[in-house]
């Protein structure tokens, strides 16, 4: 199955994302790149001031956030 199709099924789900300031984010949309929204830190309060901010990642990195390497 194509990566993009697999990621589209995960929209709205939260995952561990190393590129997020809080190390977690929710997948918002999938196109040529994925749009993620920062969610609260599960390990404390560090960087929670970034909650709600959005950032983009390539499909291949986004895929690894859900299914690993």
C-alpha atoms as a PDB file:
ATOM      1  CA  UNK A   1       0.000   0.000   0.000  1.00  0.00           C
ATOM      2  CA  UNK A   2       1.255   3.468  -0.821  1.00  0.00           C
ATOM      3  CA  UNK A   3       2.641   5.487   2.115  1.00  0.00           C
ATOM      4  CA  UNK A   4       0.313   8.421   1.426  1.00  0.00           C
ATOM      5  CA  UNK A   5      -2.800   6.229   1.522  1.00  0.00           C
ATOM      6  CA  UNK A   6      -1.665   4.617   4.766  1.00  0.00           C
ATOM      7  CA  UNK A   7      -1.005   8.021   6.358  1.00  0.00           C
ATOM      8  CA  UNK A   8      -4.400   9.382   5.278  1.00  0.00           C
ATOM      9  CA  UNK A   9      -5.994   6.682   7.456  1.00  0.00           C
ATOM     10  CA  UNK A  10      -4.041   8.022  10.452  1.00  0.00           C
ATOM     11  CA  UNK A  11      -5.289  11.634  10.252  1.00  0.00           C
ATOM     12  CA  UNK A  12      -6.390  12.757  13.704  1.00  0.00           C
ATOM     13  CA  UNK A  13      -4.132  10.274  15.492  1.00  0.00           C
ATOM     14  CA  UNK A  14      -1.375  11.313  17.880  1.00  0.00           C
ATOM     15  CA  UNK A  15       2.143   9.909  17.633  1.00  0.00           C
ATOM     16  CA  UNK A  16       5.609  10.359  19.039  1.00  0.00           C
ATOM     17  CA  UNK A  17       7.379  12.853  16.776  1.00  0.00           C
ATOM     18  CA  UNK A  18      11.013  13.741  17.454  1.00  0.00           C
ATOM     19  CA  UNK A  19      10.678  16.973  15.438  1.00  0.00           C
ATOM     20  CA  UNK A  20       7.884  18.270  17.716  1.00  0.00           C
ATOM     21  CA  UNK A  21       8.969  20.570  20.563  1.00  0.00           C
ATOM     22  CA  UNK A  22       6.973  18.364  22.986  1.00  0.00           C
ATOM     23  CA  UNK A  23       7.952  15.072  21.279  1.00  0.00           C
ATOM     24  CA  UNK A  24       4.314  14.370  20.386  1.00  0.00           C
ATOM     25  CA  UNK A  25       1.965  15.644  17.704  1.00  0.00           C
ATOM     26  CA  UNK A  26      -1.316  14.911  15.928  1.00  0.00           C
ATOM     27  CA  UNK A  27      -1.423  14.302  12.188  1.00  0.00           C
ATOM     28  CA  UNK A  28      -3.629  16.992  10.610  1.00  0.00           C
ATOM     29  CA  UNK A  29      -3.358  16.454   6.850  1.00  0.00           C
ATOM     30  CA  UNK A  30      -1.481  14.539   4.191  1.00  0.00           C
ATOM     31  CA  UNK A  31      -0.430  15.956   0.829  1.00  0.00           C
ATOM     32  CA  UNK A  32       3.021  16.303  -0.692  1.00  0.00           C
ATOM     33  CA  UNK A  33       4.082  16.764   2.940  1.00  0.00           C
ATOM     34  CA  UNK A  34       2.287  15.979   6.199  1.00  0.00           C
ATOM     35  CA  UNK A  35       0.990  18.714   8.484  1.00  0.00           C
ATOM     36  CA  UNK A  36       1.326  18.012  12.206  1.00  0.00           C
ATOM     37  CA  UNK A  37      -0.010  19.908  15.224  1.00  0.00           C
ATOM     38  CA  UNK A  38       1.984  19.976  18.465  1.00  0.00           C
ATOM     39  CA  UNK A  39       0.184  18.257  21.371  1.00  0.00           C
ATOM     40  CA  UNK A  40       0.975  18.475  25.109  1.00  0.00           C
ATOM     41  CA  UNK A  41       4.154  16.901  26.404  1.00  0.00           C
ATOM     42  CA  UNK A  42       3.474  13.488  27.966  1.00  0.00           C
ATOM     43  CA  UNK A  43       6.664  13.650  30.015  1.00  0.00           C
ATOM     44  CA  UNK A  44       6.217  16.969  31.832  1.00  0.00           C
ATOM     45  CA  UNK A  45       5.473  20.588  30.997  1.00  0.00           C
ATOM     46  CA  UNK A  46       8.557  21.402  28.924  1.00  0.00           C
ATOM     47  CA  UNK A  47       7.728  23.281  25.702  1.00  0.00           C
ATOM     48  CA  UNK A  48       3.960  23.081  26.237  1.00  0.00           C
ATOM     49  CA  UNK A  49       3.826  26.741  25.168  1.00  0.00           C
ATOM     50  CA  UNK A  50       4.112  25.373  21.593  1.00  0.00           C
ATOM     51  CA  UNK A  51       0.895  23.300  21.805  1.00  0.00           C
ATOM     52  CA  UNK A  52      -1.331  24.035  18.821  1.00  0.00           C
ATOM     53  CA  UNK A  53       1.501  25.156  16.530  1.00  0.00           C
ATOM     54  CA  UNK A  54       1.710  23.379  13.188  1.00  0.00           C
ATOM     55  CA  UNK A  55       4.712  22.107  11.257  1.00  0.00           C
ATOM     56  CA  UNK A  56       5.328  19.972   8.176  1.00  0.00           C
ATOM     57  CA  UNK A  57       7.339  16.803   7.647  1.00  0.00           C
ATOM     58  CA  UNK A  58       8.063  14.675   4.595  1.00  0.00           C
ATOM     59  CA  UNK A  59       5.963  11.549   4.095  1.00  0.00           C
ATOM     60  CA  UNK A  60       8.832   9.175   4.878  1.00  0.00           C
ATOM     61  CA  UNK A  61       9.505  10.755   8.284  1.00  0.00           C
ATOM     62  CA  UNK A  62       5.794  10.858   9.082  1.00  0.00           C
ATOM     63  CA  UNK A  63       5.493   7.183   8.252  1.00  0.00           C
ATOM     64  CA  UNK A  64       8.243   6.382  10.759  1.00  0.00           C
ATOM     65  CA  UNK A  65       6.341   8.217  13.504  1.00  0.00           C
ATOM     66  CA  UNK A  66       3.595   5.583  13.341  1.00  0.00           C
ATOM     67  CA  UNK A  67       5.302   2.420  12.142  1.00  0.00           C
ATOM     68  CA  UNK A  68       8.967   2.781  13.054  1.00  0.00           C
ATOM     69  CA  UNK A  69      11.966   2.125  10.917  1.00  0.00           C
END
